Every structure is written in C-alpha cells, then in structure tokens.
Protein backbone atom coordinates (compact mmCIF):
# COMPACT_ATOMS: atom_id res chain seq x y z
CA UNK A 1 -16.46 -39.75 -47.50
CA UNK A 2 -17.61 -43.39 -47.43
CA UNK A 3 -16.21 -46.02 -45.05
CA UNK A 4 -14.65 -47.80 -47.99
CA UNK A 5 -12.70 -44.74 -49.05
CA UNK A 6 -11.68 -44.10 -45.45
CA UNK A 7 -10.07 -47.51 -45.32
CA UNK A 8 -7.90 -46.65 -48.28
CA UNK A 9 -6.34 -43.61 -46.65
CA UNK A 10 -3.49 -46.06 -46.01
CA UNK A 11 -1.65 -48.19 -48.60
CA UNK A 12 -3.56 -50.62 -50.80
CA UNK A 13 -3.92 -54.30 -49.97
CA UNK A 14 -1.60 -56.63 -51.87
CA UNK A 15 -2.80 -60.08 -52.91
CA UNK A 16 0.19 -62.40 -52.85
CA UNK A 17 -1.56 -65.14 -54.80
CA UNK A 18 -2.17 -62.99 -57.85
CA UNK A 19 0.47 -60.28 -57.24
CA UNK A 20 -1.78 -57.36 -57.96
CA UNK A 21 -3.41 -54.57 -56.01
CA UNK A 22 -7.10 -54.84 -55.21
CA UNK A 23 -9.13 -51.72 -54.77
CA UNK A 24 -11.00 -51.32 -51.48
CA UNK A 25 -14.50 -51.80 -52.92
CA UNK A 26 -13.51 -55.14 -54.53
CA UNK A 27 -11.90 -56.33 -51.31
CA UNK A 28 -14.88 -55.36 -49.15
CA UNK A 29 -17.29 -57.11 -51.51
CA UNK A 30 -15.38 -60.40 -51.48
CA UNK A 31 -14.57 -60.37 -47.77
CA UNK A 32 -18.10 -59.47 -46.71
CA UNK A 33 -19.28 -62.85 -47.97
CA UNK A 34 -17.71 -64.22 -44.75
CA UNK A 35 -19.50 -61.53 -42.64
CA UNK A 36 -16.13 -60.01 -41.78
CA UNK A 37 -15.46 -56.29 -41.58
CA UNK A 38 -12.10 -54.78 -42.38
CA UNK A 39 -10.68 -51.82 -40.45
CA UNK A 40 -7.48 -49.84 -40.37
CA UNK A 41 -7.60 -49.73 -36.56
CA UNK A 42 -9.56 -51.89 -34.14
CA UNK A 43 -9.26 -50.85 -30.51
CA UNK A 44 -10.30 -53.32 -27.80
CA UNK A 45 -11.16 -51.48 -24.58
CA UNK A 46 -13.42 -48.47 -23.97
CA UNK A 47 -11.65 -46.96 -20.98
CA UNK A 48 -9.83 -43.61 -20.96
CA UNK A 49 -6.86 -44.89 -22.98
CA UNK A 50 -8.92 -46.52 -25.74
CA UNK A 51 -11.41 -43.67 -25.99
CA UNK A 52 -8.65 -41.05 -26.03
CA UNK A 53 -6.85 -42.88 -28.81
CA UNK A 54 -9.90 -43.10 -31.05
CA UNK A 55 -10.84 -39.49 -30.32
CA UNK A 56 -7.32 -38.39 -31.22
CA UNK A 57 -7.45 -40.34 -34.51
CA UNK A 58 -10.86 -38.96 -35.45
CA UNK A 59 -9.85 -35.36 -34.63
CA UNK A 60 -6.54 -35.64 -36.51
CA UNK A 61 -6.44 -33.94 -39.94
CA UNK A 62 -4.05 -36.68 -41.02
CA UNK A 63 -5.65 -39.82 -39.56
CA UNK A 64 -9.35 -38.91 -39.64
CA UNK A 65 -9.90 -40.86 -42.88
CA UNK A 66 -8.87 -44.15 -41.31
CA UNK A 67 -11.61 -46.70 -40.78
CA UNK A 68 -11.74 -47.41 -37.04
CA UNK A 69 -13.73 -49.59 -34.65
CA UNK A 70 -14.12 -49.90 -30.89
CA UNK A 71 -14.85 -53.12 -29.02
CA UNK A 72 -16.08 -52.88 -25.42
CA UNK A 73 -17.79 -55.40 -23.14
CA UNK A 74 -19.78 -52.79 -21.20
CA UNK A 75 -22.85 -50.85 -22.32
CA UNK A 76 -21.32 -47.52 -23.32
CA UNK A 77 -24.69 -45.77 -23.50
CA UNK A 78 -24.86 -45.94 -19.70
CA UNK A 79 -21.41 -44.38 -19.45
CA UNK A 80 -22.25 -41.62 -21.90
CA UNK A 81 -25.37 -40.74 -19.90
CA UNK A 82 -23.58 -40.90 -16.54
CA UNK A 83 -24.75 -38.42 -13.95
CA UNK A 84 -24.62 -38.02 -10.17
CA UNK A 85 -26.13 -35.43 -7.83
CA UNK A 86 -23.75 -32.58 -6.88
CA UNK A 87 -23.38 -34.04 -3.37
CA UNK A 88 -22.23 -37.46 -4.59
CA UNK A 89 -18.93 -38.44 -6.17
CA UNK A 90 -17.63 -41.67 -7.65
CA UNK A 91 -14.90 -43.40 -5.63
CA UNK A 92 -12.91 -43.99 -8.82
CA UNK A 93 -11.04 -40.74 -9.34
CA UNK A 94 -7.86 -39.96 -11.26
CA UNK A 95 -5.20 -37.32 -10.85
CA UNK A 96 -4.84 -35.70 -14.25
CA UNK A 97 -1.64 -33.78 -14.96
CA UNK A 98 -1.86 -30.44 -16.81
CA UNK A 99 -0.08 -32.06 -19.78
CA UNK A 100 -2.78 -34.73 -20.01
CA UNK A 101 -5.48 -32.07 -19.66
CA UNK A 102 -3.87 -30.09 -22.48
CA UNK A 103 -3.91 -33.18 -24.69
CA UNK A 104 -7.59 -33.77 -23.94
CA UNK A 105 -8.24 -30.15 -24.81
CA UNK A 106 -6.35 -30.51 -28.10
CA UNK A 107 -8.56 -33.41 -29.19
CA UNK A 108 -11.70 -31.55 -28.12
CA UNK A 109 -12.67 -33.74 -25.14
CA UNK A 110 -11.85 -31.36 -22.27
CA UNK A 111 -14.76 -29.11 -23.26
CA UNK A 112 -17.14 -32.02 -22.59
CA UNK A 113 -15.80 -32.69 -19.08
CA UNK A 114 -18.17 -31.49 -16.36
CA UNK A 115 -15.87 -28.87 -14.87
CA UNK A 116 -18.07 -28.29 -11.81
CA UNK A 117 -17.03 -31.80 -10.74
CA UNK A 118 -13.30 -31.22 -11.30
CA UNK A 119 -10.98 -29.90 -8.59
CA UNK A 120 -7.54 -28.49 -9.34
CA UNK A 121 -4.94 -28.40 -6.58
CA UNK A 122 -1.81 -26.28 -6.33
CA UNK A 123 0.05 -27.89 -3.45
CA UNK A 124 0.87 -31.36 -2.16
CA UNK A 125 2.08 -32.21 1.35
CA UNK A 126 3.96 -35.51 1.65
CA UNK A 127 5.51 -36.81 4.87
CA UNK A 128 7.06 -39.84 6.55
CA UNK A 129 4.69 -41.45 9.05
CA UNK A 130 7.55 -42.60 11.28
CA UNK A 131 9.74 -39.50 11.45
CA UNK A 132 7.42 -36.72 10.21
CA UNK A 133 10.08 -35.59 7.70
CA UNK A 134 8.12 -33.61 5.12
CA UNK A 135 8.29 -32.32 1.59
CA UNK A 136 5.97 -29.64 0.21
CA UNK A 137 5.34 -29.59 -3.51
CA UNK A 138 4.11 -26.32 -5.01
CA UNK A 139 5.26 -24.04 -7.80
CA UNK A 140 7.63 -21.40 -6.39
CA UNK A 141 6.99 -17.71 -7.14
CA UNK A 142 8.00 -16.79 -10.67
CA UNK A 143 7.71 -20.32 -12.04
CA UNK A 144 4.85 -22.49 -13.19
CA UNK A 145 4.17 -25.71 -15.00
CA UNK A 146 2.12 -26.49 -18.12
CA UNK A 147 -1.05 -25.78 -16.14
CA UNK A 148 0.08 -22.54 -14.52
CA UNK A 149 0.24 -23.08 -10.76
CA UNK A 150 -1.87 -26.23 -10.91
CA UNK A 151 -0.15 -29.50 -10.01
CA UNK A 152 -3.03 -31.74 -11.10
CA UNK A 153 -6.79 -32.02 -11.52
CA UNK A 154 -8.90 -34.53 -9.61
CA UNK A 155 -11.45 -35.98 -12.03
CA UNK A 156 -13.89 -38.85 -11.66
CA UNK A 157 -13.07 -41.62 -14.10
CA UNK A 158 -16.67 -41.67 -15.34
CA UNK A 159 -16.63 -37.91 -15.87
CA UNK A 160 -13.65 -38.36 -18.18
CA UNK A 161 -14.93 -41.39 -20.09
CA UNK A 162 -18.40 -39.88 -20.60
CA UNK A 163 -16.77 -36.70 -21.93
CA UNK A 164 -14.69 -38.72 -24.40
CA UNK A 165 -17.77 -40.61 -25.56
CA UNK A 166 -19.63 -37.36 -26.16
CA UNK A 167 -16.70 -36.02 -28.16
CA UNK A 168 -16.53 -39.23 -30.21
CA UNK A 169 -20.24 -38.98 -30.93
CA UNK A 170 -19.68 -35.38 -32.02
CA UNK A 171 -16.88 -36.41 -34.39
CA UNK A 172 -18.62 -39.52 -35.71
CA UNK A 173 -16.99 -42.14 -37.89
CA UNK A 174 -16.29 -44.78 -35.23
CA UNK A 175 -17.97 -48.17 -35.52
CA UNK A 176 -18.79 -49.12 -31.92
CA UNK A 177 -19.29 -52.73 -30.83
CA UNK A 178 -20.21 -52.40 -27.17
CA UNK A 179 -21.81 -55.13 -25.07
CA UNK A 180 -19.49 -57.39 -27.04
CA UNK A 181 -16.93 -59.70 -25.46
CA UNK A 182 -13.86 -60.88 -27.34
CA UNK A 183 -14.29 -64.63 -27.77
CA UNK A 184 -10.99 -65.14 -29.56
CA UNK A 185 -8.39 -63.48 -31.74
CA UNK A 186 -6.64 -65.36 -34.52
CA UNK A 187 -4.82 -64.70 -37.74
CA UNK A 188 -6.78 -64.48 -40.96
CA UNK A 189 -6.60 -66.72 -43.97
CA UNK A 190 -5.49 -66.50 -47.56
CA UNK A 191 -8.14 -66.74 -50.25
CA UNK A 192 -7.96 -66.54 -54.00
CA UNK A 193 -8.18 -62.76 -53.91
CA UNK A 194 -7.03 -61.75 -50.47
CA UNK A 195 -4.20 -62.56 -48.08
CA UNK A 196 -4.98 -61.79 -44.44
CA UNK A 197 -2.69 -64.41 -42.92
CA UNK A 198 -0.81 -61.72 -40.95
CA UNK A 199 -3.93 -59.78 -39.95
CA UNK A 200 -5.62 -60.23 -36.56
CA UNK A 201 -9.27 -61.30 -36.80
CA UNK A 202 -11.27 -60.44 -33.67
CA UNK A 203 -14.17 -62.82 -33.02
CA UNK A 204 -16.89 -61.21 -30.92
CA UNK A 205 -19.53 -62.85 -28.73
CA UNK A 206 -22.17 -61.42 -31.08
CA UNK A 207 -20.81 -63.51 -33.96
CA UNK A 208 -19.20 -60.51 -35.63
CA UNK A 209 -15.62 -60.78 -36.95
CA UNK A 210 -13.37 -57.77 -37.38
CA UNK A 211 -10.15 -57.76 -39.41
CA UNK A 212 -7.60 -55.22 -38.21
CA UNK A 213 -4.68 -53.72 -40.06
CA UNK A 214 -3.64 -52.61 -36.55
CA UNK A 215 -5.13 -54.15 -33.41
CA UNK A 216 -4.76 -51.99 -30.30
CA UNK A 217 -5.05 -53.43 -26.82
CA UNK A 218 -6.47 -50.90 -24.37
CA UNK A 219 -8.11 -53.81 -22.57
CA UNK A 220 -6.52 -53.73 -19.13
CA UNK A 221 -4.02 -55.76 -17.16
CA UNK A 222 -5.43 -59.11 -18.35
CA UNK A 223 -5.32 -58.03 -21.99
CA UNK A 224 -6.52 -60.61 -24.56
CA UNK A 225 -4.77 -58.54 -27.24
CA UNK A 226 -1.46 -58.86 -25.40
CA UNK A 227 -2.01 -62.63 -25.12
CA UNK A 228 -2.73 -62.84 -28.85
CA UNK A 229 0.47 -60.92 -29.58
CA UNK A 230 2.49 -63.43 -27.53
CA UNK A 231 3.81 -60.59 -25.36
CA UNK A 232 4.81 -61.46 -21.79
CA UNK A 233 3.96 -59.13 -18.91
CA UNK A 234 6.27 -59.38 -15.89
CA UNK A 235 6.16 -58.01 -12.39
CA UNK A 236 4.86 -58.84 -8.94
CA UNK A 237 2.02 -58.39 -6.50
CA UNK A 238 2.62 -56.05 -3.56
CA UNK A 239 0.44 -58.00 -1.11
CA UNK A 240 -1.32 -54.68 -0.60
CA UNK A 241 -4.81 -53.45 -1.38
CA UNK A 242 -5.83 -49.94 -2.33
CA UNK A 243 -8.84 -48.84 -0.28
CA UNK A 244 -10.87 -46.05 -1.89
CA UNK A 245 -13.76 -43.98 -0.57
CA UNK A 246 -15.51 -40.64 -1.00
CA UNK A 247 -15.24 -38.55 2.15
CA UNK A 248 -16.95 -35.47 3.54
CA UNK A 249 -14.85 -32.97 5.51
CA UNK A 250 -15.77 -30.67 8.34
CA UNK A 251 -16.80 -27.08 7.69
CA UNK A 252 -16.29 -25.75 4.18
CA UNK A 253 -13.77 -28.46 3.37
CA UNK A 254 -10.93 -27.30 1.18
CA UNK A 255 -11.58 -23.58 1.60
CA UNK A 256 -9.45 -21.02 3.43
CA UNK A 257 -6.00 -22.05 4.57
CA UNK A 258 -6.58 -25.61 3.38
CA UNK A 259 -7.47 -24.54 -0.14
CA UNK A 260 -6.47 -26.86 -2.94
CA UNK A 261 -3.94 -29.03 -1.09
CA UNK A 262 -3.45 -32.78 -1.49
CA UNK A 263 -2.05 -34.79 1.43
CA UNK A 264 -0.11 -38.04 1.49
CA UNK A 265 1.42 -39.80 4.49
CA UNK A 266 3.74 -42.78 4.10
CA UNK A 267 2.93 -45.48 6.67
CA UNK A 268 4.81 -48.78 7.05
CA UNK A 269 1.84 -50.63 5.53
CA UNK A 270 1.65 -48.20 2.59
CA UNK A 271 0.81 -44.56 1.77
CA UNK A 272 -2.54 -42.94 2.50
CA UNK A 273 -3.62 -40.01 0.33
CA UNK A 274 -6.50 -37.57 0.63
CA UNK A 275 -7.12 -35.59 -2.54
CA UNK A 276 -9.54 -32.68 -3.00
CA UNK A 277 -12.88 -32.79 -4.75
CA UNK A 278 -15.15 -29.75 -5.10
CA UNK A 279 -16.79 -28.34 -1.99
CA UNK A 280 -16.10 -30.20 1.22
CA UNK A 281 -15.57 -33.57 -0.44
CA UNK A 282 -12.43 -35.62 -0.84
CA UNK A 283 -11.33 -38.87 -2.42
CA UNK A 284 -9.29 -41.37 -0.41
CA UNK A 285 -6.66 -43.82 -1.66
CA UNK A 286 -5.17 -45.91 1.17
CA UNK A 287 -2.60 -48.58 0.41
CA UNK A 288 -2.59 -51.16 3.19
CA UNK A 289 -2.48 -54.90 3.89
CA UNK A 290 -5.29 -57.17 2.66
CA UNK A 291 -6.22 -57.89 6.29
CA UNK A 292 -6.48 -54.18 7.15
CA UNK A 293 -8.45 -53.53 3.97
CA UNK A 294 -10.93 -56.27 4.86
CA UNK A 295 -11.46 -54.72 8.29
CA UNK A 296 -11.90 -51.19 6.93
CA UNK A 297 -14.57 -52.33 4.48
CA UNK A 298 -16.56 -53.98 7.29
CA UNK A 299 -16.55 -51.03 9.67
CA UNK A 300 -19.61 -48.82 10.23
CA UNK A 301 -19.26 -45.29 8.83
CA UNK A 302 -18.31 -43.64 12.14
CA UNK A 303 -15.61 -46.23 12.85
CA UNK A 304 -14.22 -45.94 9.29
CA UNK A 305 -14.08 -42.15 9.64
CA UNK A 306 -12.16 -42.55 12.90
CA UNK A 307 -9.61 -44.84 11.19
CA UNK A 308 -9.02 -42.34 8.37
CA UNK A 309 -8.52 -39.47 10.80
CA UNK A 310 -6.20 -41.65 12.87
CA UNK A 311 -4.12 -42.56 9.81
CA UNK A 312 -3.21 -38.89 9.32
CA UNK A 313 -2.71 -38.01 13.00
CA UNK A 314 -1.74 -40.93 15.23
CA UNK A 315 1.54 -42.83 15.36
CA UNK A 316 1.87 -46.00 13.26
CA UNK A 317 1.93 -47.99 16.53
CA UNK A 318 -1.41 -46.53 17.64
CA UNK A 319 -2.90 -47.07 14.21
CA UNK A 320 -1.69 -50.68 14.09
CA UNK A 321 -3.39 -51.34 17.42
CA UNK A 322 -6.66 -49.87 16.19
CA UNK A 323 -6.53 -52.25 13.23
CA UNK A 324 -6.56 -55.19 15.65
CA UNK A 325 -9.88 -54.10 17.19
CA UNK A 326 -13.04 -55.50 15.60
CA UNK A 327 -15.02 -52.44 16.76
CA UNK A 328 -14.83 -49.34 18.94
CA UNK A 329 -12.39 -47.40 16.74
CA UNK A 330 -14.23 -44.08 17.18
CA UNK A 331 -13.97 -44.26 20.96
CA UNK A 332 -10.36 -45.43 20.79
CA UNK A 333 -9.42 -42.58 18.44
CA UNK A 334 -11.06 -39.95 20.65
CA UNK A 335 -9.18 -41.22 23.70
CA UNK A 336 -5.79 -41.37 21.94
CA UNK A 337 -6.18 -37.89 20.47
CA UNK A 338 -6.35 -36.53 24.02
CA UNK A 339 -2.75 -37.65 24.42
CA UNK A 340 -1.48 -36.73 20.94
CA UNK A 341 -0.17 -33.35 19.81
CA UNK A 342 -1.00 -32.56 16.20
CA UNK A 343 -0.24 -29.47 14.12
CA UNK A 344 -3.65 -28.75 12.57
CA UNK A 345 -2.04 -26.99 9.60
CA UNK A 346 0.09 -30.03 8.74
CA UNK A 347 -2.79 -32.46 8.23
CA UNK A 348 -6.02 -32.40 6.21
CA UNK A 349 -9.23 -31.25 7.81
CA UNK A 350 -11.05 -33.84 9.87
CA UNK A 351 -13.30 -36.29 8.06
CA UNK A 352 -16.90 -36.19 9.33
CA UNK A 353 -18.60 -38.60 6.92
CA UNK A 354 -18.15 -41.24 4.24
CA UNK A 355 -20.43 -41.60 1.24
CA UNK A 356 -22.57 -44.71 1.53
CA UNK A 357 -21.39 -47.55 -0.66
CA UNK A 358 -18.16 -45.78 -1.67
CA UNK A 359 -15.70 -47.88 0.38
CA UNK A 360 -14.04 -50.47 -1.86
CA UNK A 361 -10.62 -52.02 -2.45
CA UNK A 362 -8.49 -53.53 -5.20
CA UNK A 363 -5.16 -55.45 -5.20
CA UNK A 364 -2.00 -53.51 -6.05
CA UNK A 365 0.40 -54.89 -8.65
CA UNK A 366 3.36 -53.85 -10.72
CA UNK A 367 3.40 -55.20 -14.27
CA UNK A 368 5.34 -54.27 -17.39
CA UNK A 369 5.01 -55.87 -20.81
CA UNK A 370 8.23 -56.99 -22.50
CA UNK A 371 7.32 -54.78 -25.45
CA UNK A 372 4.37 -52.60 -26.42
CA UNK A 373 4.22 -53.77 -30.01
CA UNK A 374 4.06 -56.85 -32.20
CA UNK A 375 3.24 -57.37 -35.84
CA UNK A 376 -0.06 -55.50 -36.25
CA UNK A 377 -0.46 -55.21 -32.48
CA UNK A 378 0.09 -52.28 -30.10
CA UNK A 379 -0.62 -51.98 -26.36
CA UNK A 380 -1.54 -48.85 -24.42
CA UNK A 381 -2.40 -48.09 -20.81
CA UNK A 382 -2.84 -50.91 -18.31
CA UNK A 383 -2.46 -53.50 -21.06
CA UNK A 384 1.18 -52.38 -21.30
CA UNK A 385 1.93 -51.41 -17.67
CA UNK A 386 0.45 -51.29 -14.17
CA UNK A 387 1.98 -48.99 -11.56
CA UNK A 388 1.61 -48.48 -7.81
CA UNK A 389 -0.90 -45.62 -7.28
CA UNK A 390 1.33 -43.71 -4.82
CA UNK A 391 2.28 -41.15 -7.50
CA UNK A 392 -1.15 -41.04 -9.14
CA UNK A 393 0.38 -41.44 -12.59
CA UNK A 394 -1.30 -44.55 -14.03
CA UNK A 395 -3.85 -42.76 -16.21
CA UNK A 396 -1.32 -40.11 -17.26
CA UNK A 397 1.04 -42.83 -18.47
CA UNK A 398 -1.78 -44.16 -20.63
CA UNK A 399 -2.45 -40.72 -22.07
CA UNK A 400 1.24 -40.41 -22.90
CA UNK A 401 1.06 -43.78 -24.68
CA UNK A 402 -1.90 -42.58 -26.74
CA UNK A 403 -0.19 -39.37 -27.84
CA UNK A 404 2.93 -41.23 -28.92
CA UNK A 405 1.06 -44.00 -30.76
CA UNK A 406 -1.16 -41.52 -32.61
CA UNK A 407 1.98 -39.66 -33.68
CA UNK A 408 3.43 -42.91 -35.08
CA UNK A 409 0.19 -43.68 -36.94
CA UNK A 410 0.06 -40.18 -38.40
CA UNK A 411 3.64 -40.54 -39.63
CA UNK A 412 2.78 -43.82 -41.37
CA UNK A 413 -0.29 -42.35 -43.04
CA UNK A 414 1.60 -39.23 -44.17
CA UNK A 415 4.47 -41.27 -45.64
CA UNK A 416 2.37 -43.98 -47.28
CA UNK A 417 3.55 -46.72 -44.93
CA UNK A 418 1.60 -49.71 -43.62
CA UNK A 419 0.63 -48.47 -40.14
CA UNK A 420 0.34 -52.00 -38.72
CA UNK A 421 3.86 -53.26 -39.25
CA UNK A 422 6.28 -53.56 -36.39
CA UNK A 423 8.68 -51.24 -38.18
CA UNK A 424 6.03 -48.49 -38.34
CA UNK A 425 5.28 -48.93 -34.63
CA UNK A 426 8.86 -49.02 -33.38
CA UNK A 427 9.06 -45.27 -32.71
CA UNK A 428 6.13 -45.59 -30.30
CA UNK A 429 7.70 -48.51 -28.47
CA UNK A 430 11.11 -46.90 -28.10
CA UNK A 431 9.67 -43.58 -26.93
CA UNK A 432 7.20 -44.86 -24.34
CA UNK A 433 8.83 -48.03 -23.02
CA UNK A 434 11.85 -46.26 -21.56
CA UNK A 435 9.81 -43.41 -20.06
CA UNK A 436 7.32 -45.76 -18.43
CA UNK A 437 10.05 -48.09 -17.20
CA UNK A 438 11.69 -45.25 -15.27
CA UNK A 439 8.44 -44.22 -13.58
CA UNK A 440 7.51 -47.81 -12.74
CA UNK A 441 10.92 -48.26 -11.13
CA UNK A 442 10.70 -45.04 -9.11
CA UNK A 443 7.25 -45.88 -7.72
CA UNK A 444 8.29 -49.42 -6.90
CA UNK A 445 11.43 -48.28 -5.06
CA UNK A 446 9.52 -45.63 -3.12
CA UNK A 447 7.00 -48.21 -1.97
CA UNK A 448 9.74 -50.53 -0.79
CA UNK A 449 11.76 -47.74 0.81
CA UNK A 450 8.87 -46.48 2.94
CA UNK A 451 7.78 -50.01 3.90
CA UNK A 452 10.93 -50.30 6.05
CA UNK A 453 10.01 -49.75 9.71
CA UNK A 454 13.45 -49.82 11.37
CA UNK A 455 17.17 -49.73 10.72
CA UNK A 456 19.47 -47.16 9.13
CA UNK A 457 17.18 -46.61 6.11
CA UNK A 458 14.60 -44.79 8.23
CA UNK A 459 16.79 -41.83 9.29
CA UNK A 460 18.53 -41.79 5.91
CA UNK A 461 15.29 -41.48 3.95
CA UNK A 462 14.16 -38.70 6.28
CA UNK A 463 17.40 -36.82 5.77
CA UNK A 464 16.93 -37.19 2.02
CA UNK A 465 13.34 -35.97 2.17
CA UNK A 466 14.28 -32.88 4.18
CA UNK A 467 17.23 -32.19 1.87
CA UNK A 468 15.02 -32.31 -1.23
CA UNK A 469 12.47 -30.06 0.46
CA UNK A 470 15.20 -27.48 1.09
CA UNK A 471 16.39 -27.53 -2.54
CA UNK A 472 13.84 -25.55 -4.50
CA UNK A 473 15.44 -26.11 -7.96
CA UNK A 474 15.40 -29.88 -7.41
CA UNK A 475 11.78 -29.84 -6.26
CA UNK A 476 10.85 -27.76 -9.29
CA UNK A 477 12.59 -30.25 -11.58
CA UNK A 478 10.71 -33.17 -9.98
CA UNK A 479 7.41 -31.35 -10.44
CA UNK A 480 8.21 -30.56 -14.06
CA UNK A 481 8.90 -34.23 -14.77
CA UNK A 482 5.67 -35.28 -13.05
CA UNK A 483 3.67 -32.65 -14.93
CA UNK A 484 4.97 -33.99 -18.25
CA UNK A 485 4.23 -37.68 -17.54
CA UNK A 486 2.14 -37.58 -20.69
CA UNK A 487 4.15 -37.33 -23.91
CA UNK A 488 4.83 -33.74 -24.86
CA UNK A 489 2.83 -32.45 -27.76
C-alpha cells in the first residue's frame, strides 16, 4: 500500500473554504509545492517511549496503515548498531517490569533484545540506613506475578532502544528524520484548497517541514512539543544527584546465595541501590547531595569502590565523615570495618572494581504536566512526567503511556474518528494521568520520609516497614501494583 493510501486510513481532510472533501492524492500534490509532508502521526523523540509507540502502531492490525514519522536529533544508525564486549556494560540501565516486557514481546521487540545482557531478579532487599528495619520483596510460594517469579529485568537502555530500532526496520513504513533538530513548531495555514490552521507544522533544522494530524512529544523533560501545546509542567528539584556506575563484584557475583537479588538502602542523603547484571557485574544508582556526587566522580577507582561498600555497610555517621575526606577512603573504610559488625547475607557482595568511565551523575527532579493532551498534541514518557528513581519505574510509566495512547488511536481509527482531536485523546489522558500521579506522589513522599534523620518519624517509619514485611498479603499486593506499572493489555 502506498504512503498516500496509508494516510487515508483515517477520515478525509475537509477544506473549509470550499466545503468539500479532498482526496489524499490531490492534497499531497498541492501541499508538496511548499515542500511539506503530511502525516497521521509525527513523533518527536527516539528514546524508548517514542520507539515503542511507533513500533506498536506499525505492528497493530488496526493502525498499521497510518502514515507515521519519527524525528530525532541523534544519529539512530549508531544506536541500531550498538554493541559492547561481554565484560562491559552501559551505566544507563532500566528496571523493566514483567508487564512492560510482555508489551515489548507483543509488539515484536523483545525478540530483538540481546538476552545475554539482560538479568532478571526475583528478590529485592530494602532497608532503613538508620534503624536497619527491613522489608524483603519476593513472590511467596504459590503466587507469582505477570513474569512468574521475576520482579523485574535489568536492561541497558541502549540494548532496548537498539532492539526497538531493529524491530521498526523489520516492520518498515516509518519515515525517519534523524540527525534533525526541531527548529520550531507552529500552526499551519489555510490555502485555497486546504485548511491546516489547527495542524502542527514541525520545522526541522534540515529545512524539512512536517504536518501532523497528531503530534506526539516523546522528547524528554524539556519537551518542545509540550511548549508548543502550551502545557505547563510543575514540580520541584530535589537538590540531589543520581550517581550511576557499572560495578564488578567479588567472586562469581550474583551466584549462589546471592542469586538474583537487588539491594536498596535508604540513607539520609538518599537511597543507594545495587541491581544485578549478568555474571559478576552490577549497576549502581546512588541518590545523594550534589557535593557528595561531585566528590564521588573525582575519586580514583579504589576510593570509589570503598565508598560504595561503605554505603551498604557503615553507619550514616561514618559514611558522612568519609564524604568530607578528599582522599584516603579505602584506608578509612578498611579501618572502620574492623570495628563494624555486618551480616554478610543482608548486604550485597563486596565491590572489587568499577568500569572505567562509567561513573556519572544527573540531577533528580519531580515534574508532572498539567495534562498529557492538547488539540492534536499528546505527551508520553518524560515529556509528561519525571519521577524520582528510587522505585525504578520511570521507563515503565512511559511504556504504560504508550500502550494507553495506542489503544486510543486504534479506537479512533476503528470508529472513523479524527485521531488528533482532544476528544479522541481524552481516554488516554484520563487513564494515565491518575495512575502516574499516584506513583509520582508515592515516590516523592518516600524520598521525603527517609530524608528525615531524627525525631518521631524515624521509629514510626521503621515500625511501619517491619509491619509491612510481616504482612505477606500486603507485600504481595504492593508487588502486584508495581509489576503492573505499565497499562494492562
């Protein structure tokens, strides 16, 4: 089927000036004189959310005839050809819930993920750094989530995006404008034969102009699409940075009694999490102050390793002191461990190395758009919401957005509706806004709760943590909700 016919899988254009329908081939011929291209869907942003959305549309029996385009500033050929040696891992990893993995499998992308670089885990240990109150998340005997006994899969971001690109290439039918920045977005014009006054026109740095029946912003926290839509995004900065790194563990790493367990300790400056990668490798996400993050990034490898081990074993007071030292952390850690009793089964295996060049940091923020939709505009992923990484649910929220939006688009196509109108998009907004708002609030409150270092909240939160850990049905319910962060199919 030609691109012109694909465009007309949705209702015909209506010319207000002459009050008659214009067939797609006539419209394309007249509009092309201005070097514009017309699409049913234009998606700005080639990250996991944008690529998942286009893959879902192309693999849908209902929506596959739509004419779609992708705009991305980066060179996607480099992403598609991404490869690392088996002993190296990217420091940008995501925790993928079984529900999100099932969705990726449904659209045919999971088969393209390099599974030898994916690590599933079946248990998560979380504890209070001040009181050692602990909760253990795992599926109890006789019950399981959407992924069996798996809580989540650790996947490198580039492994996921390259898999989606390979699946898109397999499906075909997507016009890709990579290495193209968005210079501006404005409404179209009315001509003698065509009225595009309500349609977004995306002006690219290459000189190309794309007209979109529906413009989707998958373009991150500073979304130009959201700005064009006049949609406010509200929230605050946490005055915290997330430090990431790829670590090597002693021995066989996650084998034996430590098999497939993720660890997270809540410190007054923020949580530190160590999550399993294949073999004896791990990915680190450490939320801490900007000053601490700056120090950690400057430290030699052996001193950085000592700080990570200390963060899981020493008291917050000891750790705070080590952050004040410009050097000598390895020696300080060794001395303090002689006077510290640690249950080896309650903490991750010792870190023995850090991958060169993998230590980095990024500021932590909470943002939520006032709405996810406007007239001919929809937002997904970070363009709509940014969440604290303590629950590892940011990418899964975006996958849930994609599933819900695709469902709304399919409904419009099936029922002959204009898929770009606010009315057609309202089901997506109502379904995802409330769900994301709850998760954003929970993560924000948890961060603030565990940032308290003294007072009655400290023993109260520990009592609550121990109580939840003792209530298996409640823990199971929490895990079920986390597993279904993505919209249910």
